[in-house]
Amino acid sequence: MTYVVAFDNSPLARRALHCAVEYAEAVDQAVVAVTAIQRDPSLARERGWIDGDETFDVETAARNLTEAVTDVDPDAGFEYRVVDAYAPRGRVSRTVRELAVDVGADVVFVGSDNAGRIVGGLASVGQTVSADDRYDVHIVRHDDARGD
């Protein structure tokens, strides 16, 4: 069984990663974080994929995201694909969904600013990723351990 986390380094995505790791440890399963890295320097800075003094390139963003993932769990995997900065609507979520399937996801953990709504009301990546029936979905709505 593989637990996959849609990971963009946001507080809710980091919390989703923590949850996936906790569940995976309980049943001795693998965790893989997946990201669609957009070729957009301002987005990369905003999301903490690169520091303010770093020049944007995909390899730097991927290395920093890998470090963010392995800071939570050194055994967690990290996979990414690159998408254009001006990719058509839905391309990021489609890429995350494809990555989840490629790594054999049994459960996908999704955390996003919009995950507090019912699944049908999720926006952006969460809506499309949670709609795929090839895996179960665990929605993380709070970015702290207590859930309040």
Foldseek 3Di string as FASTA:
>chain_A
DEEEQADLQDLQSLLLLLVRVVVCVVVVHAYEYEFAAEQDVVSCCVSVLDDPPDDDDPVSSQVSSLVSNVVSPVRHHYYYHYDYNCDPAPPGLVRSLVVCVVVPEQEYEYEDQQLVDPQCRRDGNSNSNCVDPPHHYHYGYDSDPVND
